[in-house]
N, C-alpha and C. Protein backbone atom coordinates (compact mmCIF):
# COMPACT_ATOMS: atom_id res chain seq x y z
N UNK A 1 12.38 -26.52 53.68
CA UNK A 1 11.47 -25.24 54.32
C UNK A 1 11.21 -25.87 56.02
N UNK A 2 11.72 -26.99 56.22
CA UNK A 2 11.69 -27.21 57.90
C UNK A 2 12.76 -26.55 58.50
N UNK A 3 13.56 -26.27 57.77
CA UNK A 3 14.71 -26.03 58.47
C UNK A 3 14.84 -24.35 59.14
N UNK A 4 14.75 -23.92 59.95
CA UNK A 4 15.06 -22.33 60.51
C UNK A 4 16.05 -21.53 60.20
N UNK A 5 16.26 -20.48 60.19
CA UNK A 5 17.05 -19.53 59.86
C UNK A 5 18.36 -19.73 60.72
N UNK A 6 18.34 -20.48 62.03
CA UNK A 6 19.26 -20.81 62.76
C UNK A 6 19.85 -22.08 62.49
N UNK A 7 19.11 -23.33 61.94
CA UNK A 7 19.61 -24.32 61.76
C UNK A 7 20.59 -24.10 60.50
N UNK A 8 19.80 -23.47 59.61
CA UNK A 8 20.48 -23.01 58.53
C UNK A 8 22.07 -22.67 58.57
N UNK A 9 22.11 -21.66 59.58
CA UNK A 9 23.07 -20.87 59.59
C UNK A 9 24.19 -22.12 60.44
N UNK A 10 24.02 -22.50 61.76
CA UNK A 10 24.58 -23.55 62.30
C UNK A 10 24.78 -24.40 61.44
N UNK A 11 24.07 -24.99 60.36
CA UNK A 11 24.38 -26.25 59.42
C UNK A 11 26.10 -25.85 58.58
N UNK A 12 25.97 -24.51 58.06
CA UNK A 12 27.12 -24.37 57.16
C UNK A 12 28.20 -24.28 58.10
N UNK A 13 27.86 -23.09 58.95
CA UNK A 13 28.53 -22.84 59.91
C UNK A 13 29.51 -24.35 60.14
N UNK A 14 28.87 -24.97 60.96
CA UNK A 14 29.56 -26.41 61.17
C UNK A 14 30.39 -27.00 60.24
N UNK A 15 29.60 -27.08 59.46
CA UNK A 15 30.79 -27.68 57.95
C UNK A 15 32.04 -26.96 57.98
N UNK A 16 31.72 -25.60 57.56
CA UNK A 16 32.82 -24.77 57.40
C UNK A 16 34.13 -24.73 58.61
N UNK A 17 33.30 -24.84 59.62
CA UNK A 17 34.71 -24.52 61.17
C UNK A 17 35.24 -25.97 61.01
N UNK A 18 34.41 -27.09 60.86
CA UNK A 18 35.23 -28.63 60.84
C UNK A 18 35.93 -29.10 59.53
N UNK A 19 36.12 -27.93 58.51
CA UNK A 19 36.98 -28.40 57.28
C UNK A 19 36.36 -28.99 56.38
N UNK A 20 35.10 -29.23 56.72
CA UNK A 20 34.55 -30.39 56.09
C UNK A 20 33.50 -29.91 54.40
N UNK A 21 34.15 -30.20 53.08
CA UNK A 21 33.40 -29.55 52.43
C UNK A 21 32.86 -30.41 51.95
N UNK A 22 31.08 -30.03 51.52
CA UNK A 22 29.89 -30.93 50.96
C UNK A 22 29.44 -29.81 49.80
N UNK A 23 29.61 -29.78 48.86
CA UNK A 23 29.10 -28.83 48.07
C UNK A 23 27.61 -29.03 47.19
N UNK A 24 27.13 -30.20 47.61
CA UNK A 24 25.58 -30.46 47.26
C UNK A 24 25.20 -29.50 48.39
N UNK A 25 25.60 -29.84 49.63
CA UNK A 25 24.60 -29.41 50.94
C UNK A 25 24.85 -27.99 50.61
N UNK A 26 25.78 -27.11 50.51
CA UNK A 26 26.29 -25.78 50.63
C UNK A 26 25.40 -25.05 49.24
N UNK A 27 25.06 -25.71 48.38
CA UNK A 27 24.33 -25.24 47.10
C UNK A 27 22.70 -25.49 47.40
N UNK A 28 22.40 -26.67 48.06
CA UNK A 28 20.98 -26.88 48.26
C UNK A 28 20.68 -25.39 49.20
N UNK A 29 21.62 -25.28 50.31
CA UNK A 29 21.11 -24.10 51.36
C UNK A 29 20.99 -22.81 50.53
N UNK A 30 22.22 -22.40 49.87
CA UNK A 30 22.10 -21.05 49.25
C UNK A 30 20.86 -21.32 48.27
N UNK A 31 20.34 -22.18 47.82
CA UNK A 31 19.58 -22.05 46.77
C UNK A 31 17.71 -21.84 47.37
N UNK A 32 18.53 -22.34 48.54
CA UNK A 32 16.98 -22.21 49.63
C UNK A 32 16.65 -20.74 50.21
N UNK A 33 18.00 -20.14 50.33
CA UNK A 33 17.97 -18.69 50.42
C UNK A 33 17.49 -17.97 49.71
N UNK A 34 17.93 -17.69 48.79
CA UNK A 34 17.88 -17.13 47.26
C UNK A 34 16.53 -17.54 47.26
N UNK A 35 15.67 -18.12 47.24
CA UNK A 35 14.42 -18.37 46.90
C UNK A 35 13.26 -17.79 47.95
N UNK A 36 13.58 -17.58 48.99
CA UNK A 36 12.74 -16.71 49.81
C UNK A 36 12.37 -15.10 49.61
N UNK A 37 11.53 -14.98 49.56
CA UNK A 37 10.86 -13.47 49.28
C UNK A 37 11.67 -12.75 50.28
N UNK A 38 11.98 -12.71 51.73
CA UNK A 38 12.83 -11.70 52.11
C UNK A 38 13.64 -12.47 53.03
N UNK A 39 14.48 -12.00 54.01
CA UNK A 39 15.26 -12.44 54.67
C UNK A 39 15.18 -11.99 56.33
N UNK A 40 13.59 -11.31 56.43
CA UNK A 40 13.18 -10.73 57.77
C UNK A 40 13.41 -11.64 58.66
N UNK A 41 13.07 -13.04 58.24
CA UNK A 41 13.64 -13.94 59.70
C UNK A 41 15.14 -14.26 60.30
N UNK A 42 15.81 -13.69 59.22
CA UNK A 42 16.86 -14.12 59.60
C UNK A 42 17.75 -12.80 60.49
N UNK A 43 18.49 -13.34 61.59
CA UNK A 43 18.77 -12.48 62.55
C UNK A 43 20.58 -12.03 62.53
N UNK A 44 20.99 -10.97 63.14
CA UNK A 44 22.23 -10.48 62.42
C UNK A 44 23.15 -11.65 62.31
N UNK A 45 22.84 -12.72 63.48
CA UNK A 45 24.39 -13.57 63.71
C UNK A 45 23.95 -14.25 62.58
N UNK A 46 23.16 -14.80 61.95
CA UNK A 46 22.48 -15.80 61.18
C UNK A 46 23.01 -15.24 59.56
N UNK A 47 22.78 -14.03 59.80
CA UNK A 47 23.27 -13.18 58.25
C UNK A 47 25.07 -12.86 58.11
N UNK A 48 25.79 -13.11 59.57
CA UNK A 48 26.97 -12.84 59.21
C UNK A 48 27.54 -14.25 59.06
N UNK A 49 27.22 -15.34 60.03
CA UNK A 49 27.62 -16.51 59.98
C UNK A 49 28.00 -17.05 58.76
N UNK A 50 26.13 -17.05 57.89
CA UNK A 50 26.33 -17.86 56.47
C UNK A 50 27.09 -17.01 55.77
N UNK A 51 27.48 -15.92 55.16
CA UNK A 51 28.51 -15.49 53.95
C UNK A 51 30.18 -16.31 55.06
N UNK A 52 29.82 -15.97 55.80
CA UNK A 52 31.51 -16.35 56.82
C UNK A 52 31.82 -17.84 56.37
N UNK A 53 30.48 -18.63 56.66
CA UNK A 53 30.94 -20.21 55.93
C UNK A 53 31.44 -20.27 54.88
N UNK A 54 30.68 -19.56 53.88
CA UNK A 54 30.63 -19.98 52.41
C UNK A 54 32.53 -19.62 52.13
N UNK A 55 32.79 -18.35 52.70
CA UNK A 55 33.60 -17.74 52.58
C UNK A 55 34.90 -18.98 53.16
N UNK A 56 35.10 -18.90 54.19
CA UNK A 56 35.52 -20.30 55.03
C UNK A 56 36.01 -21.61 54.26
N UNK A 57 34.57 -22.03 53.87
CA UNK A 57 35.05 -23.06 52.96
C UNK A 57 35.30 -23.11 51.57
N UNK A 58 35.35 -21.45 51.00
CA UNK A 58 35.75 -21.54 49.90
C UNK A 58 34.92 -22.22 48.89
N UNK A 59 33.80 -21.66 49.23
CA UNK A 59 32.19 -22.51 48.02
C UNK A 59 31.75 -20.67 47.77
N UNK A 60 32.12 -20.57 46.34
CA UNK A 60 31.68 -19.40 45.60
C UNK A 60 29.70 -19.68 45.21
N UNK A 61 29.01 -18.60 45.67
CA UNK A 61 27.96 -18.78 45.84
C UNK A 61 27.31 -17.00 45.29
N UNK A 62 27.92 -16.20 44.25
CA UNK A 62 27.59 -14.62 44.41
C UNK A 62 26.16 -14.81 44.55
N UNK A 63 25.27 -15.39 43.93
CA UNK A 63 23.69 -14.70 44.26
C UNK A 63 23.50 -14.80 45.84
N UNK A 64 23.57 -15.65 46.18
CA UNK A 64 24.23 -15.64 47.86
C UNK A 64 24.36 -14.87 48.45
N UNK A 65 25.55 -14.12 48.01
CA UNK A 65 26.26 -12.96 49.01
C UNK A 65 25.36 -11.85 48.55
N UNK A 66 24.61 -11.75 46.85
CA UNK A 66 23.78 -10.77 46.54
C UNK A 66 22.66 -10.29 47.43
N UNK A 67 22.05 -11.65 47.74
CA UNK A 67 21.00 -11.75 48.29
C UNK A 67 21.01 -10.75 49.99
N UNK A 68 22.24 -11.43 50.48
CA UNK A 68 22.25 -11.11 51.76
C UNK A 68 22.77 -9.73 51.71
N UNK A 69 24.01 -9.15 51.09
CA UNK A 69 24.16 -7.65 50.70
C UNK A 69 22.88 -6.84 50.62
N UNK A 70 21.93 -7.25 49.82
CA UNK A 70 20.93 -6.32 49.32
C UNK A 70 20.08 -6.35 50.64
N UNK A 71 19.79 -7.48 51.16
CA UNK A 71 18.86 -7.11 52.64
C UNK A 71 19.61 -6.13 53.48
N UNK A 72 20.92 -6.55 54.25
CA UNK A 72 21.54 -5.84 54.89
C UNK A 72 21.75 -4.43 54.58
N UNK A 73 21.80 -4.14 53.22
CA UNK A 73 21.85 -3.12 52.67
C UNK A 73 20.71 -2.27 52.51
N UNK A 74 19.83 -2.68 52.71
CA UNK A 74 18.22 -1.65 52.59
C UNK A 74 17.75 -1.69 54.20
N UNK A 75 18.37 -2.25 55.21
CA UNK A 75 18.26 -2.03 56.89
C UNK A 75 18.18 -0.41 57.00
N UNK A 76 17.33 0.01 57.75
CA UNK A 76 17.29 1.41 58.00
C UNK A 76 18.15 1.57 59.12
N UNK A 77 18.54 0.98 60.12
CA UNK A 77 19.37 0.70 61.07
C UNK A 77 20.28 -0.46 61.46
N UNK A 78 21.31 -0.26 61.96
CA UNK A 78 22.13 -1.71 62.14
C UNK A 78 22.85 -1.62 63.62
N UNK A 79 21.85 -1.72 64.59
CA UNK A 79 21.92 -1.55 65.94
C UNK A 79 21.89 -2.73 66.58
N UNK A 80 21.39 -4.11 65.50
CA UNK A 80 21.51 -5.51 66.16
C UNK A 80 22.34 -5.78 66.09
N UNK A 81 23.77 -5.14 65.04
CA UNK A 81 24.69 -5.74 64.54
C UNK A 81 26.00 -5.47 65.42
N UNK A 82 26.32 -6.49 65.94
CA UNK A 82 27.53 -6.14 66.73
C UNK A 82 28.56 -5.83 65.62
N UNK A 83 29.90 -5.48 66.39
CA UNK A 83 31.03 -5.22 65.25
C UNK A 83 31.49 -6.64 65.02
N UNK A 84 31.62 -7.11 65.79
CA UNK A 84 32.06 -8.94 65.59
C UNK A 84 31.62 -9.21 63.97
N UNK A 85 29.71 -9.46 64.54
CA UNK A 85 29.28 -9.57 63.37
C UNK A 85 29.71 -8.47 61.86
N UNK A 86 29.85 -7.63 61.94
CA UNK A 86 30.38 -6.76 61.15
C UNK A 86 31.45 -7.03 60.29
N UNK A 87 32.33 -7.09 60.91
CA UNK A 87 33.67 -7.75 60.87
C UNK A 87 33.43 -9.24 60.00
N UNK A 88 32.80 -9.90 60.49
CA UNK A 88 32.61 -11.35 59.87
C UNK A 88 32.24 -10.92 58.74
N UNK A 89 31.28 -10.29 58.32
CA UNK A 89 30.53 -9.83 56.86
C UNK A 89 31.51 -9.37 56.18
N UNK A 90 32.32 -8.39 56.65
CA UNK A 90 32.98 -7.93 55.26
C UNK A 90 34.58 -8.69 55.12
N UNK A 91 34.79 -9.59 56.24
CA UNK A 91 36.09 -10.43 55.99
C UNK A 91 35.39 -11.52 55.27
N UNK A 92 33.98 -11.92 54.96
CA UNK A 92 33.54 -13.25 54.13
C UNK A 92 33.02 -12.60 52.82
N UNK A 93 33.31 -11.24 52.18
CA UNK A 93 32.80 -10.86 51.03
C UNK A 93 34.45 -10.34 50.45
N UNK A 94 35.37 -9.99 51.36
CA UNK A 94 36.54 -9.73 50.67
C UNK A 94 37.04 -11.14 50.62
N UNK A 95 37.11 -12.17 51.23
CA UNK A 95 37.86 -13.18 51.09
C UNK A 95 36.90 -14.25 50.13
N UNK A 96 35.90 -14.11 49.72
CA UNK A 96 34.88 -14.63 48.48
C UNK A 96 35.21 -14.03 47.43
N UNK A 97 36.28 -12.54 47.71
CA UNK A 97 35.93 -11.80 46.06
C UNK A 97 34.61 -11.71 46.03
N UNK A 98 33.82 -11.13 46.79
CA UNK A 98 32.28 -11.11 46.29
C UNK A 98 32.46 -9.10 46.51
N UNK A 99 31.78 -8.41 45.40
CA UNK A 99 31.60 -6.83 45.90
C UNK A 99 30.00 -6.27 46.42
N UNK A 100 30.08 -5.55 47.13
CA UNK A 100 29.11 -5.00 47.02
C UNK A 100 29.32 -3.85 47.60
N UNK A 101 29.49 -2.78 46.68
CA UNK A 101 29.97 -1.54 47.28
C UNK A 101 28.72 -0.72 48.54
N UNK A 102 27.23 -0.96 48.62
CA UNK A 102 26.05 -0.08 49.03
C UNK A 102 26.20 -1.06 50.26
N UNK A 103 26.72 -2.35 50.59
CA UNK A 103 26.98 -2.93 52.30
C UNK A 103 27.99 -2.40 52.85
N UNK A 104 29.19 -2.26 51.95
CA UNK A 104 30.42 -2.28 52.49
C UNK A 104 30.67 -0.45 53.19
N UNK A 105 29.78 0.23 52.36
CA UNK A 105 29.47 1.76 52.78
C UNK A 105 28.57 1.79 54.27
N UNK A 106 27.53 0.91 53.74
CA UNK A 106 26.65 0.79 55.18
C UNK A 106 27.43 0.21 56.46
N UNK A 107 27.99 -0.61 56.08
CA UNK A 107 28.86 -1.45 57.66
C UNK A 107 30.07 -0.45 57.79
N UNK A 108 30.79 0.70 57.00
CA UNK A 108 31.88 1.46 57.21
C UNK A 108 31.39 2.59 58.24
N UNK A 109 29.76 2.50 57.73
CA UNK A 109 29.52 3.99 58.68
C UNK A 109 29.02 3.68 60.00
N UNK A 110 28.66 2.26 59.94
CA UNK A 110 28.47 1.77 61.52
C UNK A 110 29.34 1.95 62.11
N UNK A 111 30.69 0.84 61.23
CA UNK A 111 31.91 1.10 62.38
C UNK A 111 32.48 2.46 62.68
N UNK A 112 32.54 3.51 62.57
CA UNK A 112 32.75 4.87 62.37
C UNK A 112 32.19 5.02 63.96
N UNK A 113 30.60 4.74 63.78
CA UNK A 113 30.23 5.45 64.60
C UNK A 113 30.47 4.44 65.96
N UNK A 114 30.97 3.39 65.84
CA UNK A 114 31.14 2.33 67.30
C UNK A 114 32.45 2.34 67.15
N UNK A 115 33.40 2.79 66.72
CA UNK A 115 34.71 2.58 66.68
C UNK A 115 35.51 1.98 68.00
N UNK A 116 35.10 2.79 69.31
CA UNK A 116 35.94 2.87 70.22
C UNK A 116 35.60 1.39 70.59
N UNK A 117 34.77 0.43 70.42
CA UNK A 117 34.49 -0.75 71.26
C UNK A 117 35.00 -2.10 70.39
N UNK A 118 36.04 -1.82 69.27
CA UNK A 118 36.59 -2.44 68.45
C UNK A 118 37.15 -3.69 69.56
N UNK A 119 37.01 -4.89 69.33
CA UNK A 119 38.29 -5.51 69.93
C UNK A 119 39.41 -5.68 68.59
N UNK A 120 40.47 -6.24 68.99
CA UNK A 120 41.96 -6.63 68.29
C UNK A 120 41.67 -7.57 66.99
N UNK A 121 40.82 -8.80 66.98
CA UNK A 121 40.41 -9.47 65.82
C UNK A 121 39.65 -8.46 65.18
N UNK A 122 38.48 -8.19 65.44
CA UNK A 122 37.51 -7.61 64.85
C UNK A 122 38.09 -6.22 63.75
N UNK A 123 38.83 -5.60 64.55
CA UNK A 123 39.28 -4.44 63.39
C UNK A 123 40.38 -4.95 62.35
N UNK A 124 41.21 -5.62 63.24
CA UNK A 124 42.39 -6.02 62.12
C UNK A 124 41.66 -6.98 61.14
N UNK A 125 40.42 -7.60 61.43
CA UNK A 125 39.83 -8.29 60.32
C UNK A 125 38.95 -7.21 59.32
N UNK A 126 38.39 -6.31 59.69
CA UNK A 126 37.99 -5.18 59.36
C UNK A 126 38.40 -4.67 58.33
N UNK A 127 39.65 -4.12 58.86
CA UNK A 127 40.43 -3.54 58.22
C UNK A 127 41.13 -4.12 56.60
N UNK A 128 41.40 -5.13 57.03
CA UNK A 128 42.13 -6.15 56.11
C UNK A 128 41.02 -6.21 54.95
N UNK A 129 39.89 -6.45 55.55
CA UNK A 129 38.66 -6.58 54.41
C UNK A 129 38.72 -5.25 53.33
N UNK A 130 38.74 -4.27 54.31
CA UNK A 130 38.39 -2.75 52.82
C UNK A 130 39.44 -2.99 52.23
N UNK A 131 41.11 -3.05 52.56
CA UNK A 131 42.11 -2.91 52.14
C UNK A 131 41.96 -3.99 51.10
N UNK A 132 41.74 -5.65 51.30
CA UNK A 132 41.63 -6.54 50.46
C UNK A 132 40.72 -6.31 49.18
N UNK A 133 39.42 -5.64 49.57
CA UNK A 133 38.23 -5.51 48.67
C UNK A 133 38.27 -4.35 47.66
N UNK A 134 39.28 -3.62 48.33
CA UNK A 134 39.84 -2.23 47.07
C UNK A 134 38.41 -1.46 47.31
N UNK A 135 37.89 -1.30 48.49
CA UNK A 135 36.42 -0.33 48.66
C UNK A 135 37.04 1.21 48.37
N UNK A 136 35.91 1.89 47.57
CA UNK A 136 36.07 3.55 47.55
C UNK A 136 36.47 4.30 48.87
N UNK A 137 36.89 5.13 48.89
CA UNK A 137 36.08 6.07 50.41
C UNK A 137 36.92 5.30 51.36
N UNK A 138 38.17 4.73 51.39
CA UNK A 138 38.38 3.58 52.56
C UNK A 138 39.22 4.76 53.06
N UNK A 139 40.27 5.25 52.89
CA UNK A 139 41.41 6.05 53.26
C UNK A 139 40.72 7.01 54.17
N UNK A 140 39.54 7.74 54.74
CA UNK A 140 38.22 8.17 55.93
C UNK A 140 38.20 7.26 56.33
N UNK A 141 37.79 5.88 56.35
CA UNK A 141 37.75 5.02 57.23
C UNK A 141 38.61 4.74 58.02
N UNK A 142 39.99 4.30 57.64
CA UNK A 142 40.98 4.02 58.03
C UNK A 142 41.45 5.43 59.12
N UNK A 143 41.95 6.38 58.73
CA UNK A 143 41.79 7.52 59.26
C UNK A 143 41.35 7.65 60.61
N UNK A 144 39.65 7.35 60.87
CA UNK A 144 39.05 7.40 62.02
C UNK A 144 38.88 6.70 62.69
N UNK A 145 39.31 5.26 62.38
CA UNK A 145 39.64 3.68 63.24
C UNK A 145 41.02 4.11 63.91
N UNK A 146 42.02 4.92 63.22
CA UNK A 146 43.32 5.11 63.80
C UNK A 146 43.46 5.19 65.48
N UNK A 147 42.69 6.10 66.10
CA UNK A 147 42.80 5.87 67.77
C UNK A 147 42.37 4.46 67.86
N UNK A 148 41.21 4.03 67.53
CA UNK A 148 40.81 3.02 67.93
C UNK A 148 42.10 1.53 67.60
N UNK A 149 42.57 1.72 66.42
CA UNK A 149 43.83 0.89 66.41
C UNK A 149 44.83 1.38 67.59
N UNK A 150 45.35 2.52 67.68
CA UNK A 150 45.98 2.78 68.62
C UNK A 150 46.25 2.00 69.79
N UNK A 151 44.87 2.13 70.37
CA UNK A 151 44.20 1.52 71.84
C UNK A 151 44.46 0.16 71.51
N UNK A 152 44.28 -0.49 70.90
CA UNK A 152 44.22 -2.29 71.12
C UNK A 152 45.69 -2.61 70.67
N UNK A 153 46.24 -1.80 69.91
CA UNK A 153 47.68 -2.74 69.26
C UNK A 153 48.44 -3.39 70.08
N UNK A 154 48.76 -3.10 71.29
CA UNK A 154 49.18 -4.02 72.15
C UNK A 154 48.80 -5.61 72.43
N UNK A 155 47.33 -5.31 72.36
CA UNK A 155 46.47 -6.88 72.36
C UNK A 155 46.95 -7.95 71.40
N UNK A 156 47.07 -7.00 70.22
CA UNK A 156 46.89 -7.57 68.67
C UNK A 156 47.89 -8.88 69.20
N UNK A 157 47.40 -10.33 68.27
CA UNK A 157 48.22 -11.36 68.13
C UNK A 157 49.50 -10.92 66.59
N UNK A 158 50.22 -11.81 66.66
CA UNK A 158 51.02 -11.88 65.28
C UNK A 158 50.30 -11.28 64.11
N UNK A 159 49.45 -12.31 63.91
CA UNK A 159 48.75 -12.43 63.05
C UNK A 159 47.95 -10.87 62.65
N UNK A 160 46.75 -10.24 63.66
CA UNK A 160 46.37 -9.39 63.93
C UNK A 160 46.97 -8.06 63.32
N UNK A 161 48.06 -8.56 64.03
CA UNK A 161 49.26 -6.70 63.48
C UNK A 161 49.92 -6.93 62.32
N UNK A 162 50.16 -7.85 62.00
CA UNK A 162 50.58 -8.12 60.14
C UNK A 162 49.19 -7.58 59.72
N UNK A 163 48.23 -7.92 59.60
CA UNK A 163 46.89 -7.62 58.99
C UNK A 163 47.08 -5.95 58.97
N UNK A 164 46.66 -5.67 60.09
CA UNK A 164 46.71 -4.14 60.42
C UNK A 164 48.00 -3.73 59.29
N UNK A 165 49.10 -3.81 59.87
CA UNK A 165 50.13 -3.35 58.89
C UNK A 165 49.77 -3.15 57.75
N UNK A 166 49.79 -4.50 56.93
CA UNK A 166 49.38 -4.54 55.72
C UNK A 166 48.11 -3.31 55.27
N UNK A 167 47.46 -3.76 55.97
CA UNK A 167 45.90 -2.92 55.44
C UNK A 167 46.52 -1.50 55.40
N UNK A 168 47.02 -1.07 56.39
CA UNK A 168 47.74 0.80 56.21
C UNK A 168 48.30 0.69 55.01
N UNK A 169 49.22 -0.11 55.00
CA UNK A 169 50.18 -0.11 53.86
C UNK A 169 49.36 -0.08 52.04
N UNK A 170 48.71 -0.91 52.29
CA UNK A 170 47.44 -1.07 50.91
C UNK A 170 46.67 0.59 50.41
N UNK A 171 46.19 0.65 51.96
CA UNK A 171 45.31 1.86 51.27
C UNK A 171 45.96 3.08 51.75
N UNK A 172 47.52 2.98 52.09
CA UNK A 172 48.47 4.42 52.28
C UNK A 172 48.12 5.68 52.84
N UNK A 173 47.48 4.97 53.71
CA UNK A 173 47.06 6.22 55.20
C UNK A 173 48.25 6.10 56.02
N UNK A 174 49.18 7.04 56.41
CA UNK A 174 50.11 6.71 57.23
C UNK A 174 49.77 7.75 58.79
N UNK A 175 49.97 6.89 59.91
CA UNK A 175 49.86 6.79 60.92
C UNK A 175 51.03 6.96 61.43
N UNK A 176 52.09 8.13 62.01
CA UNK A 176 53.21 7.41 62.53
C UNK A 176 53.10 6.89 64.28
N UNK A 177 52.16 7.43 64.74
CA UNK A 177 51.46 6.42 65.96
C UNK A 177 51.32 5.12 65.82
N UNK A 178 50.35 4.83 64.95
CA UNK A 178 50.56 3.41 64.59
C UNK A 178 51.64 2.62 63.58
N UNK A 179 52.25 3.42 63.10
CA UNK A 179 53.61 2.69 62.76
C UNK A 179 54.48 2.46 63.81
N UNK A 180 54.56 3.84 64.97
CA UNK A 180 55.67 3.36 65.70
C UNK A 180 55.09 2.31 66.84
N UNK A 181 53.36 2.07 66.97
CA UNK A 181 53.36 0.83 67.88
C UNK A 181 53.65 -0.68 67.14
N UNK A 182 53.18 -0.52 65.82
CA UNK A 182 53.90 -1.72 65.08
C UNK A 182 55.34 -2.32 65.27
N UNK A 183 56.14 -0.78 65.17
CA UNK A 183 57.63 -1.31 65.12
C UNK A 183 58.07 -1.62 66.43
N UNK A 184 57.46 -1.08 67.97
CA UNK A 184 57.58 -1.08 68.95
C UNK A 184 57.14 -2.85 69.34
N UNK A 185 56.28 -3.48 68.63
CA UNK A 185 55.70 -4.85 68.85
C UNK A 185 56.44 -5.80 68.54
N UNK A 186 56.83 -5.67 66.53
CA UNK A 186 57.31 -6.61 66.18
C UNK A 186 58.91 -6.51 66.81
N UNK A 187 59.45 -5.63 67.27
CA UNK A 187 60.77 -5.66 68.06
C UNK A 187 60.73 -7.06 69.15
N UNK A 188 59.53 -7.31 69.50
CA UNK A 188 59.40 -7.87 70.93
C UNK A 188 59.31 -9.40 70.80
N UNK A 189 58.87 -9.63 69.39
CA UNK A 189 58.32 -11.01 68.92
C UNK A 189 59.54 -11.35 68.07
N UNK A 190 59.61 -12.78 68.24
CA UNK A 190 60.42 -13.85 67.39
C UNK A 190 59.93 -14.71 66.21
N UNK A 191 58.60 -14.86 66.82
CA UNK A 191 57.86 -15.72 65.60
C UNK A 191 56.82 -15.10 64.55
N UNK A 192 56.71 -15.32 63.52
CA UNK A 192 55.89 -15.07 63.10
C UNK A 192 55.97 -16.07 61.55
N UNK A 193 54.15 -16.44 60.88
CA UNK A 193 54.34 -17.10 60.37
C UNK A 193 54.75 -16.69 58.72
N UNK A 194 54.83 -17.47 57.49
CA UNK A 194 55.21 -16.99 56.28
C UNK A 194 54.49 -15.73 56.06
N UNK A 195 52.90 -15.97 56.10
CA UNK A 195 51.73 -15.03 55.64
C UNK A 195 52.17 -13.49 56.41
N UNK A 196 52.25 -13.60 57.62
CA UNK A 196 52.52 -12.38 58.39
C UNK A 196 54.20 -12.25 57.86
N UNK A 197 55.37 -12.80 57.63
CA UNK A 197 56.20 -11.95 57.14
C UNK A 197 55.79 -11.45 55.68
N UNK A 198 55.08 -11.76 55.13
CA UNK A 198 54.92 -11.44 53.53
C UNK A 198 54.26 -9.86 53.77
N UNK A 199 53.56 -9.92 54.90
CA UNK A 199 52.14 -8.67 54.78
C UNK A 199 53.20 -7.54 55.38
N UNK A 200 54.23 -8.15 56.62
CA UNK A 200 54.89 -6.78 56.97
C UNK A 200 55.99 -6.52 56.35
N UNK A 201 56.37 -7.34 55.22
CA UNK A 201 57.39 -7.00 54.25
C UNK A 201 56.72 -5.58 53.25
N UNK A 202 56.11 -6.07 52.72
CA UNK A 202 54.79 -5.02 52.29
C UNK A 202 54.76 -3.65 52.94
N UNK A 203 54.59 -3.90 54.19
CA UNK A 203 53.97 -2.61 55.19
C UNK A 203 55.55 -1.79 54.86
N UNK A 204 56.95 -2.63 55.15
CA UNK A 204 58.34 -2.14 55.20
C UNK A 204 58.53 -1.37 53.94
N UNK A 205 58.18 -2.14 52.95
CA UNK A 205 58.69 -1.38 51.39
C UNK A 205 57.47 0.01 51.55
N UNK A 206 56.13 -0.29 52.29
CA UNK A 206 55.76 1.41 52.07
C UNK A 206 56.33 2.42 53.20
N UNK A 207 56.89 2.15 53.89
CA UNK A 207 57.80 2.94 54.89
C UNK A 207 59.02 3.16 54.46
N UNK A 208 59.56 2.63 53.59
CA UNK A 208 60.76 2.83 52.23
C UNK A 208 60.27 3.84 51.44
N UNK A 209 58.86 3.75 50.70
CA UNK A 209 58.19 4.73 49.83
C UNK A 209 58.35 6.16 50.72
N UNK A 210 58.00 6.14 51.68
CA UNK A 210 57.91 7.20 52.09
C UNK A 210 59.02 8.16 52.85
N UNK A 211 60.07 7.38 52.50
CA UNK A 211 61.33 7.53 53.27
C UNK A 211 60.99 8.17 54.75
N UNK A 212 60.77 7.11 55.30
CA UNK A 212 60.32 7.41 56.94
C UNK A 212 61.50 6.45 57.57
N UNK A 213 61.64 7.03 58.99
CA UNK A 213 62.67 6.14 59.73
C UNK A 213 61.89 4.95 60.63
N UNK A 214 60.93 5.20 60.26
CA UNK A 214 59.86 3.84 60.94
C UNK A 214 60.16 2.79 60.15
N UNK A 215 61.39 1.87 60.18
CA UNK A 215 61.16 0.80 59.42
C UNK A 215 61.28 -0.60 60.53
N UNK A 216 61.55 -1.70 59.77
CA UNK A 216 61.93 -3.07 60.34
C UNK A 216 63.30 -3.05 60.51
N UNK A 217 63.67 -3.99 61.82
CA UNK A 217 65.40 -3.75 62.26
C UNK A 217 65.53 -5.12 61.18
N UNK A 218 66.81 -4.60 60.66
CA UNK A 218 67.73 -5.45 59.46
C UNK A 218 67.14 -6.69 59.41
N UNK A 219 67.27 -7.44 60.88
CA UNK A 219 67.19 -8.90 60.83
C UNK A 219 66.11 -9.49 60.40
N UNK A 220 64.91 -8.66 60.86
CA UNK A 220 63.79 -9.12 60.84
C UNK A 220 63.12 -8.68 59.36
N UNK A 221 63.72 -7.62 58.66
CA UNK A 221 63.36 -7.03 57.26
C UNK A 221 64.01 -8.25 56.28
N UNK A 222 65.09 -8.94 56.75
CA UNK A 222 65.48 -10.26 56.07
C UNK A 222 64.64 -11.11 55.89
N UNK A 223 63.85 -11.73 57.08
CA UNK A 223 62.95 -12.41 57.14
C UNK A 223 61.79 -12.35 56.49
N UNK A 224 61.97 -11.10 56.34
CA UNK A 224 60.30 -10.68 55.86
C UNK A 224 60.53 -10.82 53.88
N UNK A 225 61.79 -10.29 53.42
CA UNK A 225 61.94 -10.21 52.27
C UNK A 225 62.43 -11.62 52.10
N UNK A 226 62.71 -12.55 52.41
CA UNK A 226 62.89 -13.87 51.93
C UNK A 226 61.58 -14.39 51.91
N UNK A 227 60.63 -14.20 52.85
CA UNK A 227 59.45 -14.62 53.09
C UNK A 227 58.68 -14.55 51.45
N UNK A 228 59.14 -13.25 51.36
CA UNK A 228 58.37 -12.84 49.82
C UNK A 228 58.52 -13.43 48.57
N UNK A 229 59.86 -13.75 48.67
CA UNK A 229 60.15 -14.18 47.45
C UNK A 229 60.05 -15.71 47.65
């Protein structure tokens, strides 16, 4: 009870960021938060960093995610939540395989209103999370965010570019402009991680399914196929 919301948030964030796993600590912090009457004393940064820390550390605690999701889902407004906080939240829930449809719907509505302000990392993680979590009505979200994706795609790292490509292939929302940007981007890059190659491979298979002319160049296509198998 002597730990403030900021102290609790900083504590689990620090352990997760350092890659130090301490199950008992994470368990006690989660139980303390769950036992609170409400989370009104937690600000947006606390409420985004805490789930992020548990997901990053690979610590499962469904009741904690439910408590945080219920609190945010009941808020009337999300003006104090930055797009970075929204991105961290949905990434955490998707990574931890925790579902909360009300939360995802609320955060999607907020993202749609503020979509022109997304940074490349945040929009990539946001789209990846909605694709990975299998949320309903995500096609509308992906279509609405498409102009913002087009605006920042040249600023993306290879990691974020591959996430965006994978997400659009999973949700099956075709945007020729985004696909052209992806193709132009990958033709200039030589280095991709195995995970990025696997994600690009799925995007390429989707382009083939559409009988699209926008596909990976042969040399990169072979690399992606080898990484996938």
